[in-house]
Amino acid sequence: MMKSVIPLSSIIALRFLGLFLVLPVLSAYALNLKGATNEVVGIVVGGYALTQMLFQVPFGIMSDKLGRKGTIVTGLLLFAIGSYFCAISDDIYTLMFGRFLQGAGAIGAVVTAMISDIVKEEQRPKAMALMGGSIAISFAVSMLAGPTISAYAGGVSTLFYITMFLALGSIIILFKAVPESPRITHTYNKKANLKQIFSNSNLIKMNITNFLQKGLMTFAFMIIPIVLIHQFNWDIKELWKVYLPAMILGVASMGPAAVMAEKKGKFKEILIIGIAFFAISYLIIGNSSSSFTFVIGVMIFFAGFNMHEPIMQSLASKFAKVHQRGLMLGIFNACGYLGTFCGGLIGGIFYEDVSLSKLVIAIAIVCVIWIILIITMPNPAKRRTAYLSLDKYKRDNTQKLHDIAHIDEWYINESENIIVVKYDSHLIDEDGVKNLLK
């Protein structure tokens, strides 16, 4: 499992590292470009997320029909080209174009779906946690590396060149280390459709969660450098002083959160704690009279964010069936990127027109409503999976599994010549599944 998942996690981690590297300094950098206004800078900060949102579902569908690897390569090339345009930009609109092009390489859902394809059901929580953890680590590293590299190694353009080479290097990893996805046959003739996904209340709540979490992250990155530089008179070279402790606390919070969620099944509880951290952190940030209390608020925010990040993809995938994963994860990630775009846009529009102290009260109220929403969502039920050889059980007999309440889902892995049956162990055991197929 690890040999397959680590390369894929590396690809997604490198891609997110490229995106995250610029976030700690982007708003301060963009404000100095020709044609910049607060509103346009807000669009630039969250701009890549708009095209990510638009292309998540098409990329997910394309990967389901045409294959994962080719779709991933297409996305990485678009991301690399967009990074190049960002690196050479000398005005705000060229930078905006590059950010939009970066976002057009929408491969997040495709990589997640490929991990789901490759690993067995009982290994999937570990695989998803590994991928989520790699994203969270990329996020943490970027908070320190971005300001440091931009300050001492050629500016923000250097960060975009690094991003471009990370994307191109990821293509090499894809072909050298990642196996092909198995061929899956859904013999029960179900097709993923929007009605199925949008009628699933748990998936709706996860989509809302991803939207709000990513929106608050982008809003944070929008205001942190601006407040520290313009209100507390920090230099851009000093930003590591806020991002380093935030990174340390964020990394420290990931492990316990992932263990509680994946091993103890406390997904909902971890989400609630993280949201409470968001509310507390923003109230501190918005009412800080000194840079010290402001930094404390930032640290609490990123602790909450890093509690969420390792479990988000895993939790969302638990509420979808195998034939829905590409489309469902496309929608899930699209909601997250819509939140990213809105967080930057709202930050740009309201930062000067509405006081930060008033904005954070609104954010805290949203967090309270958000917690109530999560309380109504159950932790995902535990299921067991049977792997049965087609040499022993006839393909035609799989139709007997259709519409049986305690059979969660089933499909045929053509590459390994097995029937995969996911079932409720409280209602039926593996021998009962075998008897249905005889």
Protein backbone atom coordinates (compact mmCIF):
# COMPACT_ATOMS: atom_id res chain seq x y z
CA MET A 1 0.00 0.00 0.00
CA MET A 2 2.72 2.45 1.04
CA LYS A 3 4.66 2.00 -2.22
CA SER A 4 1.63 3.20 -4.17
CA VAL A 5 0.32 5.88 -1.82
CA ILE A 6 3.59 7.66 -0.92
CA PRO A 7 4.36 8.71 -4.54
CA LEU A 8 0.78 9.96 -5.04
CA SER A 9 0.85 11.77 -1.72
CA SER A 10 4.19 13.29 -2.77
CA ILE A 11 2.66 14.60 -5.98
CA ILE A 12 -0.26 16.25 -4.23
CA ALA A 13 2.02 17.52 -1.44
CA LEU A 14 4.44 19.12 -3.91
CA ARG A 15 1.59 20.73 -5.78
CA PHE A 16 0.09 22.16 -2.61
CA LEU A 17 3.53 23.23 -1.43
CA GLY A 18 3.80 25.26 -4.63
CA LEU A 19 0.43 26.88 -3.98
CA PHE A 20 1.02 27.49 -0.29
CA LEU A 21 4.57 28.89 -0.63
CA VAL A 22 3.32 32.20 -1.98
CA LEU A 23 0.28 32.64 0.28
CA PRO A 24 2.09 34.10 3.33
CA VAL A 25 3.54 36.96 1.26
CA LEU A 26 1.33 37.23 -1.82
CA SER A 27 -1.04 39.97 -0.69
CA ALA A 28 1.79 42.27 0.44
CA TYR A 29 3.69 41.58 -2.82
CA ALA A 30 0.68 42.07 -5.10
CA LEU A 31 -0.24 45.42 -3.53
CA ASN A 32 3.01 46.87 -4.92
CA LEU A 33 2.37 45.81 -8.53
CA LYS A 34 1.13 48.17 -11.22
CA GLY A 35 -2.68 48.43 -11.24
CA ALA A 36 -3.17 46.86 -7.81
CA THR A 37 -6.15 47.65 -5.56
CA ASN A 38 -7.34 45.80 -2.46
CA GLU A 39 -10.19 44.22 -4.42
CA VAL A 40 -7.96 43.03 -7.26
CA VAL A 41 -5.37 41.73 -4.80
CA GLY A 42 -8.12 39.73 -3.09
CA ILE A 43 -8.97 38.15 -6.44
CA VAL A 44 -5.29 37.37 -7.06
CA VAL A 45 -4.89 35.71 -3.65
CA GLY A 46 -7.92 33.47 -4.20
CA GLY A 47 -7.95 33.56 -8.00
CA TYR A 48 -6.45 30.13 -8.60
CA ALA A 49 -9.34 28.70 -6.58
CA LEU A 50 -11.95 30.04 -9.01
CA THR A 51 -10.58 27.99 -11.91
CA GLN A 52 -9.93 25.08 -9.55
CA MET A 53 -13.62 25.17 -8.69
CA LEU A 54 -14.67 25.28 -12.34
CA PHE A 55 -12.40 22.42 -13.43
CA GLN A 56 -12.66 20.02 -10.45
CA VAL A 57 -15.77 18.25 -11.68
CA PRO A 58 -14.72 18.08 -15.39
CA PHE A 59 -11.31 16.70 -14.35
CA GLY A 60 -12.98 14.19 -12.03
CA ILE A 61 -15.34 12.99 -14.76
CA MET A 62 -12.50 12.90 -17.32
CA SER A 63 -10.41 10.76 -14.97
CA ASP A 64 -13.31 8.32 -14.45
CA LYS A 65 -13.74 7.89 -18.20
CA LEU A 66 -10.27 8.41 -19.73
CA GLY A 67 -7.91 7.37 -16.93
CA ARG A 68 -6.25 8.96 -13.92
CA LYS A 69 -2.63 9.37 -15.08
CA GLY A 70 -3.30 11.29 -18.28
CA THR A 71 -5.63 13.63 -16.41
CA ILE A 72 -3.03 14.26 -13.70
CA VAL A 73 -0.32 15.06 -16.29
CA THR A 74 -2.62 17.56 -18.01
CA GLY A 75 -3.30 19.30 -14.71
CA LEU A 76 0.36 19.46 -13.70
CA LEU A 77 1.38 20.97 -17.05
CA LEU A 78 -1.29 23.67 -16.74
CA PHE A 79 -0.11 24.37 -13.21
CA ALA A 80 3.51 24.68 -14.33
CA ILE A 81 2.65 27.06 -17.19
CA GLY A 82 0.55 29.22 -14.87
CA SER A 83 3.44 29.36 -12.37
CA TYR A 84 5.74 30.60 -15.13
CA PHE A 85 3.38 33.45 -16.02
CA CYS A 86 3.19 34.41 -12.33
CA ALA A 87 6.99 34.43 -12.09
CA ILE A 88 7.48 36.79 -15.05
CA SER A 89 4.57 39.12 -14.23
CA ASP A 90 5.30 42.78 -13.59
CA ASP A 91 1.69 43.97 -13.30
CA ILE A 92 -1.29 42.77 -11.32
CA TYR A 93 -3.27 41.48 -14.31
CA THR A 94 -0.50 39.21 -15.64
CA LEU A 95 -0.20 37.82 -12.13
CA MET A 96 -3.97 37.29 -12.05
CA PHE A 97 -3.85 35.42 -15.38
CA GLY A 98 -1.08 33.17 -14.09
CA ARG A 99 -3.05 32.42 -10.92
CA PHE A 100 -6.13 31.52 -12.95
CA LEU A 101 -4.01 29.21 -15.13
CA GLN A 102 -2.47 27.59 -12.05
CA GLY A 103 -5.93 26.75 -10.84
CA ALA A 104 -6.98 25.21 -14.15
CA GLY A 105 -4.79 22.20 -13.30
CA ALA A 106 -7.45 20.77 -11.00
CA ILE A 107 -6.05 17.36 -10.05
CA GLY A 108 -6.78 17.19 -6.31
CA ALA A 109 -9.89 15.04 -6.68
CA VAL A 110 -8.22 12.88 -9.34
CA VAL A 111 -5.28 12.00 -7.09
CA THR A 112 -7.66 11.24 -4.22
CA ALA A 113 -9.78 9.02 -6.45
CA MET A 114 -6.64 7.21 -7.69
CA ILE A 115 -5.59 6.47 -4.11
CA SER A 116 -9.09 5.10 -3.49
CA ASP A 117 -8.72 2.91 -6.58
CA ILE A 118 -5.32 1.48 -5.65
CA VAL A 119 -5.66 0.66 -1.96
CA LYS A 120 -8.03 -1.79 -0.34
CA GLU A 121 -11.01 -0.55 1.62
CA GLU A 122 -9.59 -1.27 5.08
CA GLN A 123 -6.33 0.47 4.14
CA ARG A 124 -8.03 3.53 2.72
CA PRO A 125 -8.31 5.50 6.00
CA LYS A 126 -4.52 5.23 6.47
CA ALA A 127 -3.94 6.19 2.83
CA MET A 128 -6.25 9.19 3.02
CA ALA A 129 -4.72 10.22 6.33
CA LEU A 130 -1.25 10.00 4.77
CA MET A 131 -2.34 12.20 1.89
CA GLY A 132 -4.09 14.66 4.18
CA GLY A 133 -1.07 14.72 6.45
CA SER A 134 1.24 15.43 3.52
CA ILE A 135 -0.95 18.40 2.53
CA ALA A 136 -0.94 19.67 6.09
CA ILE A 137 2.85 19.34 6.29
CA SER A 138 3.21 21.22 2.99
CA PHE A 139 1.00 23.91 4.43
CA ALA A 140 3.09 24.11 7.61
CA VAL A 141 6.44 24.15 5.79
CA SER A 142 5.26 26.83 3.37
CA MET A 143 4.39 29.21 6.22
CA LEU A 144 8.08 29.41 7.12
CA ALA A 145 9.73 28.70 3.76
CA GLY A 146 7.66 31.19 1.73
CA PRO A 147 8.56 34.36 3.66
CA THR A 148 12.17 33.23 4.14
CA ILE A 149 12.87 32.39 0.49
CA SER A 150 11.12 35.50 -0.82
CA ALA A 151 13.06 37.72 1.59
CA TYR A 152 16.53 36.27 1.00
CA ALA A 153 16.49 34.50 -2.39
CA GLY A 154 15.16 36.78 -5.10
CA GLY A 155 11.63 37.70 -4.06
CA VAL A 156 8.22 36.22 -4.76
CA SER A 157 9.09 35.46 -8.41
CA THR A 158 11.58 32.88 -7.10
CA LEU A 159 8.73 31.14 -5.29
CA PHE A 160 6.77 30.85 -8.53
CA TYR A 161 9.78 29.39 -10.36
CA ILE A 162 10.16 26.84 -7.56
CA THR A 163 6.47 26.03 -7.94
CA MET A 164 6.91 25.45 -11.68
CA PHE A 165 9.78 23.00 -11.16
CA LEU A 166 7.89 21.18 -8.42
CA ALA A 167 5.02 20.57 -10.85
CA LEU A 168 7.35 19.28 -13.58
CA GLY A 169 9.15 17.05 -11.07
CA SER A 170 5.79 15.61 -10.02
CA ILE A 171 5.21 14.34 -13.57
CA ILE A 172 8.43 12.32 -13.32
CA ILE A 173 7.29 10.84 -10.00
CA LEU A 174 3.94 9.93 -11.56
CA PHE A 175 5.47 7.84 -14.35
CA LYS A 176 8.36 6.40 -12.37
CA ALA A 177 6.69 5.39 -9.12
CA VAL A 178 2.87 5.28 -9.46
CA PRO A 179 1.17 2.07 -10.68
CA GLU A 180 -1.80 2.07 -13.01
CA SER A 181 -5.24 2.11 -11.44
CA PRO A 182 -7.05 -1.24 -11.50
CA ARG A 183 -9.90 -1.69 -13.96
CA ILE A 184 -13.16 -1.55 -12.02
CA THR A 185 -16.47 -2.89 -13.32
CA HIS A 186 -19.66 -1.72 -11.63
CA THR A 187 -21.83 -4.63 -12.74
CA TYR A 188 -24.85 -3.39 -10.82
CA ASN A 189 -25.21 -0.71 -13.51
CA LYS A 190 -25.33 2.33 -11.29
CA LYS A 191 -24.02 5.64 -12.51
CA ALA A 192 -22.79 8.52 -10.45
CA ASN A 193 -25.05 11.53 -10.85
CA LEU A 194 -25.50 14.89 -9.21
CA LYS A 195 -28.90 13.96 -7.78
CA GLN A 196 -27.44 11.09 -5.74
CA ILE A 197 -24.65 13.26 -4.36
CA PHE A 198 -26.76 16.34 -3.60
CA SER A 199 -29.41 14.23 -1.88
CA ASN A 200 -26.81 12.88 0.57
CA SER A 201 -27.04 15.19 3.58
CA ASN A 202 -23.66 14.09 4.95
CA LEU A 203 -21.89 14.97 1.71
CA ILE A 204 -23.65 18.35 1.69
CA LYS A 205 -22.36 19.05 5.21
CA MET A 206 -18.84 18.04 4.20
CA ASN A 207 -19.02 20.32 1.15
CA ILE A 208 -20.09 23.22 3.38
CA THR A 209 -17.27 22.39 5.80
CA ASN A 210 -14.67 22.41 3.03
CA PHE A 211 -16.04 25.72 1.72
CA LEU A 212 -15.88 27.45 5.10
CA GLN A 213 -12.54 25.97 6.16
CA LYS A 214 -10.76 27.02 2.98
CA GLY A 215 -12.47 30.41 2.95
CA LEU A 216 -11.27 31.21 6.46
CA MET A 217 -7.75 30.06 5.55
CA THR A 218 -7.54 32.39 2.54
CA PHE A 219 -9.01 35.29 4.48
CA ALA A 220 -6.35 34.70 7.14
CA PHE A 221 -3.56 34.77 4.58
CA MET A 222 -5.09 37.89 3.07
CA ILE A 223 -5.04 39.89 6.30
CA ILE A 224 -2.02 38.52 8.23
CA PRO A 225 0.77 40.17 6.20
CA ILE A 226 -1.24 43.35 5.62
CA VAL A 227 -2.02 43.84 9.34
CA LEU A 228 1.49 43.03 10.50
CA ILE A 229 3.17 45.26 7.91
CA HIS A 230 0.77 48.22 7.84
CA GLN A 231 -0.70 48.21 11.36
CA PHE A 232 2.15 46.85 13.48
CA ASN A 233 4.98 48.12 11.24
CA TRP A 234 6.66 44.76 10.65
CA ASP A 235 9.02 44.21 7.74
CA ILE A 236 8.28 41.40 5.28
CA LYS A 237 11.49 39.71 6.46
CA GLU A 238 9.97 39.42 9.94
CA LEU A 239 6.91 37.44 8.91
CA TRP A 240 8.63 34.17 9.83
CA LYS A 241 8.15 35.21 13.45
CA VAL A 242 4.42 34.58 13.14
CA TYR A 243 4.53 31.68 10.71
CA LEU A 244 7.21 29.64 12.53
CA PRO A 245 5.31 29.22 15.83
CA ALA A 246 2.07 28.73 13.88
CA MET A 247 3.79 25.96 11.88
CA ILE A 248 5.11 24.25 15.01
CA LEU A 249 1.76 24.29 16.77
CA GLY A 250 -0.02 23.22 13.58
CA VAL A 251 2.26 20.20 13.06
CA ALA A 252 1.92 19.24 16.74
CA SER A 253 -1.89 19.26 16.44
CA MET A 254 -2.02 17.01 13.35
CA GLY A 255 -0.98 13.71 14.91
CA PRO A 256 -3.40 13.57 17.84
CA ALA A 257 -6.26 14.78 15.65
CA ALA A 258 -5.61 12.13 12.98
CA VAL A 259 -5.35 9.36 15.60
CA MET A 260 -8.58 10.40 17.31
CA ALA A 261 -10.42 10.58 14.01
CA GLU A 262 -9.10 7.56 12.12
CA LYS A 263 -8.48 5.10 14.95
CA LYS A 264 -11.13 6.17 17.45
CA GLY A 265 -13.74 7.17 14.87
CA LYS A 266 -14.11 10.68 16.36
CA PHE A 267 -14.24 12.56 13.07
CA LYS A 268 -17.14 14.79 14.06
CA GLU A 269 -15.56 15.73 17.38
CA ILE A 270 -12.28 16.76 15.72
CA LEU A 271 -14.18 18.95 13.24
CA ILE A 272 -16.04 20.67 16.08
CA ILE A 273 -12.86 21.37 18.07
CA GLY A 274 -11.18 22.81 14.95
CA ILE A 275 -14.15 25.09 14.25
CA ALA A 276 -14.12 26.33 17.85
CA PHE A 277 -10.43 27.16 17.38
CA PHE A 278 -11.35 29.15 14.25
CA ALA A 279 -13.90 31.25 16.14
CA ILE A 280 -11.57 31.92 19.10
CA SER A 281 -8.61 32.74 16.87
CA TYR A 282 -10.50 35.26 14.74
CA LEU A 283 -11.91 37.01 17.80
CA ILE A 284 -8.35 37.39 19.11
CA ILE A 285 -7.00 38.51 15.71
CA GLY A 286 -9.73 41.11 15.21
CA ASN A 287 -9.36 42.66 18.64
CA SER A 288 -5.58 42.60 19.03
CA SER A 289 -3.95 45.79 20.25
CA SER A 290 -0.45 44.35 19.99
CA SER A 291 1.41 42.11 17.56
CA PHE A 292 1.93 39.57 20.37
CA THR A 293 -1.80 38.87 20.85
CA PHE A 294 -2.26 38.93 17.05
CA VAL A 295 0.36 36.19 16.69
CA ILE A 296 -1.37 34.14 19.43
CA GLY A 297 -4.60 34.34 17.42
CA VAL A 298 -2.81 33.23 14.24
CA MET A 299 -1.26 30.26 16.07
CA ILE A 300 -4.65 29.10 17.36
CA PHE A 301 -6.14 29.40 13.86
CA PHE A 302 -3.49 27.23 12.23
CA ALA A 303 -3.73 24.66 15.03
CA GLY A 304 -7.42 24.28 14.18
CA PHE A 305 -6.76 24.21 10.45
CA ASN A 306 -4.11 21.49 10.77
CA MET A 307 -6.45 19.42 12.93
CA HIS A 308 -8.92 19.41 10.04
CA GLU A 309 -6.64 18.98 7.06
CA PRO A 310 -5.40 15.37 7.54
CA ILE A 311 -8.95 14.00 7.84
CA MET A 312 -11.04 16.04 5.39
CA GLN A 313 -10.54 13.94 2.23
CA SER A 314 -10.79 10.68 4.17
CA LEU A 315 -14.03 11.67 5.86
CA ALA A 316 -15.66 12.89 2.64
CA SER A 317 -14.71 9.69 0.79
CA LYS A 318 -16.34 7.56 3.50
CA PHE A 319 -19.76 8.98 2.60
CA ALA A 320 -19.48 8.10 -1.14
CA LYS A 321 -19.69 4.81 -2.99
CA VAL A 322 -16.97 3.60 -5.35
CA HIS A 323 -18.74 4.64 -8.56
CA GLN A 324 -19.25 8.17 -7.17
CA ARG A 325 -15.73 8.97 -5.99
CA GLY A 326 -14.43 10.87 -8.99
CA LEU A 327 -17.53 13.06 -9.25
CA MET A 328 -18.08 13.38 -5.49
CA LEU A 329 -14.48 14.36 -4.74
CA GLY A 330 -14.62 16.77 -7.67
CA ILE A 331 -17.62 18.52 -6.09
CA PHE A 332 -16.04 18.38 -2.62
CA ASN A 333 -12.82 19.98 -3.81
CA ALA A 334 -14.73 22.48 -5.95
CA CYS A 335 -16.56 23.66 -2.82
CA GLY A 336 -13.23 24.08 -1.07
CA TYR A 337 -11.80 26.13 -3.90
CA LEU A 338 -14.95 28.24 -4.09
CA GLY A 339 -14.37 28.98 -0.41
CA THR A 340 -10.75 29.88 -1.14
CA PHE A 341 -11.82 32.33 -3.84
CA CYS A 342 -14.56 33.87 -1.70
CA GLY A 343 -12.22 34.22 1.27
CA GLY A 344 -9.76 36.26 -0.80
CA LEU A 345 -12.49 38.27 -2.52
CA ILE A 346 -14.35 39.11 0.69
CA GLY A 347 -11.08 40.04 2.35
CA GLY A 348 -10.26 42.42 -0.46
CA ILE A 349 -13.71 44.03 -0.55
CA PHE A 350 -14.47 44.39 3.15
CA TYR A 351 -11.07 44.77 4.80
CA GLU A 352 -11.01 48.56 4.41
CA ASP A 353 -14.75 49.25 4.28
CA VAL A 354 -15.65 47.22 7.40
CA SER A 355 -13.51 47.14 10.52
CA LEU A 356 -11.75 43.86 11.23
CA SER A 357 -13.27 43.79 14.73
CA LYS A 358 -16.76 43.69 13.19
CA LEU A 359 -15.81 41.12 10.55
CA VAL A 360 -14.53 38.66 13.15
CA ILE A 361 -17.81 38.83 15.08
CA ALA A 362 -19.61 37.75 11.91
CA ILE A 363 -17.05 34.95 11.44
CA ALA A 364 -17.59 33.75 15.02
CA ILE A 365 -21.38 33.63 14.48
CA VAL A 366 -20.87 31.60 11.30
CA CYS A 367 -18.63 29.21 13.26
CA VAL A 368 -21.35 28.66 15.89
CA ILE A 369 -23.88 27.80 13.15
CA TRP A 370 -21.26 25.59 11.53
CA ILE A 371 -20.74 23.65 14.79
CA ILE A 372 -24.50 23.06 15.07
CA LEU A 373 -24.48 21.71 11.50
CA ILE A 374 -21.65 19.27 12.28
CA ILE A 375 -23.36 18.07 15.47
CA THR A 376 -26.22 16.80 13.29
CA MET A 377 -23.79 14.75 11.13
CA PRO A 378 -23.03 11.19 12.30
CA ASN A 379 -19.56 9.75 12.45
CA PRO A 380 -19.23 7.34 9.48
CA ALA A 381 -20.29 3.79 10.25
CA LYS A 382 -17.63 1.11 10.25
CA ARG A 383 -17.90 -1.41 7.45
CA ARG A 384 -16.08 -4.63 6.57
CA THR A 385 -14.99 -5.69 3.12
CA ALA A 386 -14.83 -9.16 1.57
CA TYR A 387 -12.47 -9.93 -1.31
CA LEU A 388 -13.72 -12.97 -3.19
CA SER A 389 -12.00 -14.63 -6.14
CA LEU A 390 -13.93 -14.86 -9.39
CA ASP A 391 -12.41 -18.33 -9.80
CA LYS A 392 -14.66 -19.51 -6.94
CA TYR A 393 -17.73 -17.34 -7.42
CA LYS A 394 -19.59 -16.67 -10.64
CA ARG A 395 -19.83 -13.17 -12.01
CA ASP A 396 -23.52 -13.58 -12.80
CA ASN A 397 -24.34 -14.27 -9.15
CA THR A 398 -23.30 -10.76 -8.15
CA GLN A 399 -26.75 -9.62 -9.25
CA LYS A 400 -28.04 -11.28 -6.05
CA LEU A 401 -26.31 -8.51 -4.09
CA HIS A 402 -28.41 -5.84 -5.75
CA ASP A 403 -30.64 -3.80 -3.39
CA ILE A 404 -29.78 -5.84 -0.27
CA ALA A 405 -29.88 -3.35 2.61
CA HIS A 406 -26.89 -4.70 4.52
CA ILE A 407 -24.67 -4.75 1.39
CA ASP A 408 -23.24 -1.25 1.28
CA GLU A 409 -21.63 -1.57 -2.17
CA TRP A 410 -19.96 -4.09 -4.44
CA TYR A 411 -17.90 -4.07 -7.61
CA ILE A 412 -15.50 -6.22 -9.60
CA ASN A 413 -11.77 -5.49 -9.72
CA GLU A 414 -10.95 -6.82 -13.18
CA SER A 415 -7.20 -6.34 -12.74
CA GLU A 416 -7.08 -8.67 -9.73
CA ASN A 417 -10.03 -10.88 -10.78
CA ILE A 418 -11.91 -10.40 -7.52
CA ILE A 419 -15.35 -9.38 -6.31
CA VAL A 420 -15.18 -6.66 -3.65
CA VAL A 421 -18.16 -6.53 -1.29
CA LYS A 422 -18.52 -3.90 1.45
CA TYR A 423 -21.08 -4.94 4.06
CA ASP A 424 -22.55 -4.10 7.48
CA SER A 425 -20.95 -6.64 9.83
CA HIS A 426 -23.76 -6.13 12.37
CA LEU A 427 -26.29 -7.61 9.93
CA ILE A 428 -24.29 -10.13 7.91
CA ASP A 429 -20.91 -11.84 8.11
CA GLU A 430 -18.49 -12.85 5.34
CA ASP A 431 -19.92 -16.38 5.19
CA GLY A 432 -23.34 -14.87 4.59
CA VAL A 433 -21.93 -12.81 1.71
CA LYS A 434 -20.36 -15.95 0.24
CA ASN A 435 -23.64 -17.83 0.50
CA LEU A 436 -25.38 -15.07 -1.47
CA LEU A 437 -22.89 -15.58 -4.30
CA LYS A 438 -23.18 -19.37 -4.49
